[in-house]
N, C-alpha and C. Protein backbone atom coordinates (compact mmCIF):
# COMPACT_ATOMS: atom_id res chain seq x y z
N MET A 1 24.47 -25.12 -75.73
CA MET A 1 23.33 -24.16 -75.17
C MET A 1 22.05 -24.45 -76.61
N GLU A 2 21.08 -24.15 -76.10
CA GLU A 2 20.18 -24.33 -76.37
C GLU A 2 19.59 -23.35 -76.77
N VAL A 3 18.61 -22.88 -77.83
CA VAL A 3 18.13 -21.60 -78.48
C VAL A 3 17.71 -20.84 -77.50
N LYS A 4 16.42 -20.99 -76.61
CA LYS A 4 16.09 -20.18 -75.70
C LYS A 4 16.61 -20.12 -74.29
N ASP A 5 18.00 -20.49 -74.12
CA ASP A 5 19.09 -19.98 -73.52
C ASP A 5 19.60 -19.44 -73.72
N PHE A 6 19.85 -18.80 -75.34
CA PHE A 6 20.46 -17.79 -75.58
C PHE A 6 19.99 -16.99 -75.71
N VAL A 7 18.33 -16.94 -76.24
CA VAL A 7 16.94 -15.84 -75.97
C VAL A 7 17.38 -14.94 -74.96
N ILE A 8 16.83 -16.64 -73.90
CA ILE A 8 16.63 -15.80 -72.37
C ILE A 8 18.43 -14.75 -71.84
N LYS A 9 19.37 -15.11 -72.46
CA LYS A 9 20.48 -14.16 -72.26
C LYS A 9 20.22 -13.33 -73.36
N LYS A 10 20.19 -13.40 -74.21
CA LYS A 10 20.61 -11.50 -75.14
C LYS A 10 19.44 -11.15 -74.58
N LEU A 11 18.34 -11.42 -73.68
CA LEU A 11 17.55 -10.77 -73.92
C LEU A 11 17.60 -10.40 -72.24
N ASN A 12 18.41 -10.15 -71.44
CA ASN A 12 19.09 -10.27 -70.35
C ASN A 12 20.33 -9.05 -70.30
N SER A 13 20.67 -9.26 -71.16
CA SER A 13 21.63 -8.53 -71.27
C SER A 13 21.83 -7.55 -72.68
N ASP A 14 21.31 -7.64 -73.72
CA ASP A 14 21.43 -6.73 -75.10
C ASP A 14 20.32 -6.14 -75.50
N PRO A 15 19.94 -4.96 -74.65
CA PRO A 15 18.57 -3.65 -74.96
C PRO A 15 18.28 -3.91 -76.78
N ASP A 16 19.24 -3.57 -77.23
CA ASP A 16 19.27 -3.58 -78.65
C ASP A 16 18.95 -4.49 -79.30
N PHE A 17 19.11 -6.76 -78.95
CA PHE A 17 18.41 -7.40 -79.11
C PHE A 17 17.07 -7.71 -78.64
N LYS A 18 16.82 -7.17 -77.55
CA LYS A 18 15.32 -7.36 -76.67
C LYS A 18 15.13 -6.22 -77.09
N ALA A 19 14.82 -4.89 -78.09
CA ALA A 19 14.14 -4.36 -79.10
C ALA A 19 13.38 -4.96 -80.08
N LYS A 20 14.60 -5.68 -80.75
CA LYS A 20 14.78 -6.25 -82.45
C LYS A 20 14.03 -7.83 -81.67
N TYR A 21 13.71 -8.32 -80.61
CA TYR A 21 13.56 -9.09 -81.03
C TYR A 21 12.14 -9.05 -80.44
N GLU A 22 11.44 -7.34 -79.68
CA GLU A 22 10.11 -7.74 -79.67
C GLU A 22 9.37 -6.83 -80.62
N ASP A 23 9.81 -6.38 -81.75
CA ASP A 23 9.30 -6.05 -83.14
C ASP A 23 9.29 -7.45 -83.65
N ALA A 24 10.10 -8.18 -83.74
CA ALA A 24 9.99 -9.24 -84.71
C ALA A 24 8.63 -9.56 -84.60
N LYS A 25 8.85 -9.99 -83.03
CA LYS A 25 8.04 -10.94 -81.89
C LYS A 25 6.78 -10.82 -82.47
N ASN A 26 6.15 -8.99 -82.94
CA ASN A 26 4.74 -8.51 -83.40
C ASN A 26 4.71 -8.81 -85.00
N LYS A 27 6.24 -8.47 -85.10
CA LYS A 27 5.78 -9.23 -86.93
C LYS A 27 5.73 -10.92 -87.20
N LYS A 28 4.75 -11.18 -85.91
CA LYS A 28 4.88 -12.72 -86.23
C LYS A 28 6.14 -13.89 -86.49
N SER A 29 7.39 -13.08 -87.04
CA SER A 29 8.32 -13.78 -87.85
C SER A 29 9.67 -14.72 -86.14
N ILE A 30 9.50 -13.95 -85.14
CA ILE A 30 9.60 -14.97 -84.13
C ILE A 30 8.87 -16.43 -84.80
N GLU A 31 7.60 -16.23 -83.69
CA GLU A 31 6.54 -17.74 -83.90
C GLU A 31 7.30 -18.76 -84.49
N ALA A 32 7.67 -18.13 -85.92
CA ALA A 32 7.66 -19.15 -87.17
C ALA A 32 9.08 -19.60 -86.88
N MET A 33 9.91 -18.75 -86.11
CA MET A 33 11.31 -19.46 -86.20
C MET A 33 11.24 -20.44 -85.23
N GLU A 34 10.36 -20.11 -84.33
CA GLU A 34 10.26 -21.14 -83.27
C GLU A 34 9.81 -22.59 -83.18
N TYR A 35 8.83 -21.91 -84.26
CA TYR A 35 8.64 -23.56 -84.80
C TYR A 35 9.27 -23.95 -85.54
N ALA A 36 10.19 -23.80 -86.19
CA ALA A 36 10.75 -24.77 -86.93
C ALA A 36 11.70 -24.96 -86.10
N ILE A 37 12.11 -24.55 -84.92
CA ILE A 37 12.95 -24.86 -84.15
C ILE A 37 12.64 -26.20 -83.56
N HIS A 38 10.75 -25.66 -82.65
CA HIS A 38 10.65 -26.72 -81.31
C HIS A 38 10.38 -28.23 -82.73
N SER A 39 9.96 -27.33 -83.82
CA SER A 39 9.47 -29.15 -85.05
C SER A 39 10.72 -29.98 -85.57
N ASN A 40 12.08 -29.27 -84.57
CA ASN A 40 13.55 -30.01 -85.39
C ASN A 40 13.40 -29.66 -86.78
N GLU A 41 13.11 -28.73 -87.03
CA GLU A 41 13.11 -28.13 -88.69
C GLU A 41 15.26 -28.08 -88.94
N ILE A 42 15.55 -27.53 -88.08
CA ILE A 42 16.93 -26.75 -87.77
C ILE A 42 17.67 -26.96 -86.80
N SER A 43 17.19 -28.07 -86.44
CA SER A 43 17.77 -28.40 -85.15
C SER A 43 19.04 -29.15 -85.66
N GLY A 44 20.42 -29.34 -84.73
CA GLY A 44 21.16 -29.10 -84.93
C GLY A 44 21.99 -28.80 -85.75
N ASN A 45 21.71 -27.68 -86.50
CA ASN A 45 22.73 -26.88 -87.31
C ASN A 45 23.18 -25.62 -86.31
N PHE A 46 22.50 -26.06 -85.29
CA PHE A 46 23.28 -24.37 -84.37
C PHE A 46 22.92 -24.39 -83.46
N SER A 47 24.54 -24.80 -82.49
CA SER A 47 25.19 -24.74 -81.41
C SER A 47 26.05 -24.24 -80.89
N THR A 48 26.17 -22.95 -81.10
CA THR A 48 27.58 -21.59 -80.89
C THR A 48 26.30 -20.58 -81.08
N GLU A 49 27.00 -19.77 -80.57
CA GLU A 49 26.37 -18.49 -80.07
C GLU A 49 25.98 -17.79 -81.42
N GLU A 50 27.38 -17.75 -82.05
CA GLU A 50 27.76 -17.47 -84.15
C GLU A 50 25.97 -18.23 -84.55
N ASP A 51 26.44 -19.48 -84.52
CA ASP A 51 24.71 -19.72 -84.93
C ASP A 51 23.94 -19.06 -85.32
N MET A 52 23.06 -18.79 -84.02
CA MET A 52 22.30 -18.44 -82.73
C MET A 52 21.56 -17.14 -83.42
N GLU A 53 23.18 -16.11 -83.24
CA GLU A 53 23.31 -14.09 -83.87
C GLU A 53 22.39 -14.60 -84.87
N THR A 54 22.79 -15.42 -85.90
CA THR A 54 22.52 -15.67 -87.98
C THR A 54 21.18 -15.44 -87.75
N LEU A 55 21.25 -17.12 -87.15
CA LEU A 55 19.12 -17.53 -86.76
C LEU A 55 17.95 -16.31 -86.78
N PHE A 56 18.92 -15.32 -85.87
CA PHE A 56 18.15 -14.46 -85.52
C PHE A 56 17.73 -13.42 -85.86
N LYS A 57 19.72 -12.67 -86.70
CA LYS A 57 19.63 -11.39 -87.99
C LYS A 57 18.13 -12.01 -89.02
N VAL A 58 17.61 -13.32 -89.77
CA VAL A 58 16.81 -13.62 -90.18
C VAL A 58 15.25 -12.62 -89.52
N ALA A 59 15.47 -13.02 -88.46
CA ALA A 59 14.01 -12.58 -88.01
C ALA A 59 14.39 -11.10 -87.69
N PHE A 60 15.09 -10.72 -88.01
CA PHE A 60 15.51 -9.39 -87.53
C PHE A 60 15.34 -8.78 -88.31
N ASP A 61 15.33 -9.11 -90.00
CA ASP A 61 15.40 -8.43 -91.32
C ASP A 61 16.35 -8.24 -91.35
N GLU A 62 17.88 -9.18 -91.12
CA GLU A 62 19.01 -8.54 -91.48
C GLU A 62 19.74 -9.35 -92.26
N LEU A 63 19.27 -10.09 -92.38
CA LEU A 63 20.11 -11.84 -93.45
C LEU A 63 18.30 -11.93 -93.86
N SER A 64 18.50 -12.17 -95.27
CA SER A 64 17.48 -13.00 -95.98
C SER A 64 17.53 -14.01 -95.89
N THR A 65 16.46 -15.29 -95.96
CA THR A 65 16.30 -16.30 -96.30
C THR A 65 17.72 -17.16 -96.75
N GLU A 66 17.48 -16.35 -98.12
CA GLU A 66 18.61 -17.38 -99.27
C GLU A 66 19.83 -17.19 -98.50
N GLU A 67 19.83 -15.84 -98.52
CA GLU A 67 21.54 -16.01 -97.74
C GLU A 67 21.36 -17.18 -96.49
N PHE A 68 20.92 -17.00 -95.58
CA PHE A 68 20.87 -17.59 -94.88
C PHE A 68 20.73 -19.35 -94.63
N LEU A 69 19.68 -19.61 -95.53
CA LEU A 69 20.01 -20.96 -96.94
C LEU A 69 21.30 -21.10 -96.85
N ASN A 70 22.01 -20.33 -98.05
CA ASN A 70 22.94 -20.84 -98.56
C ASN A 70 24.51 -20.73 -97.53
N LYS A 71 24.18 -20.11 -96.47
CA LYS A 71 25.23 -19.72 -95.20
C LYS A 71 25.31 -21.34 -94.42
N ILE A 72 24.17 -21.87 -94.59
CA ILE A 72 24.05 -23.09 -93.97
C ILE A 72 24.45 -23.79 -94.71
N LEU A 73 23.82 -24.03 -95.42
CA LEU A 73 24.62 -25.56 -97.01
C LEU A 73 25.31 -25.20 -96.95
N ASN A 74 26.35 -23.99 -97.15
CA ASN A 74 27.64 -24.25 -97.57
C ASN A 74 28.49 -24.71 -96.08
N VAL A 75 28.29 -24.61 -94.46
CA VAL A 75 28.70 -24.89 -93.80
C VAL A 75 28.72 -26.48 -93.14
N LYS A 76 27.60 -27.07 -93.86
CA LYS A 76 27.26 -28.45 -93.62
C LYS A 76 28.13 -29.09 -95.15
N LYS A 77 28.19 -28.44 -96.50
CA LYS A 77 29.82 -28.92 -96.90
C LYS A 77 30.63 -29.31 -96.77
N ILE A 78 31.27 -28.04 -95.65
CA ILE A 78 32.51 -28.97 -95.16
C ILE A 78 32.80 -29.72 -94.20
N TYR A 79 31.20 -29.36 -93.34
CA TYR A 79 31.11 -30.51 -93.19
C TYR A 79 31.43 -32.34 -93.47
N LYS A 80 31.23 -32.70 -94.48
CA LYS A 80 30.95 -33.32 -95.52
C LYS A 80 31.76 -34.04 -95.13
């Protein structure tokens, strides 16, 4: 599932996600995240819905960037 498909699904099914998404979009944090996705900076790291939930927690200020990077780096270490 691509991130855009995940977003569409969540926007249509989860009012809480939709409200947080709109708030984050107004704060421009969604634009920065979308840029990172489209510029392939984080491509390949997000293949499950759980991964994408984690990605949006950063945009919604529910997870710090540092916590996010630690989680991603730890996941990569497991696969190496």
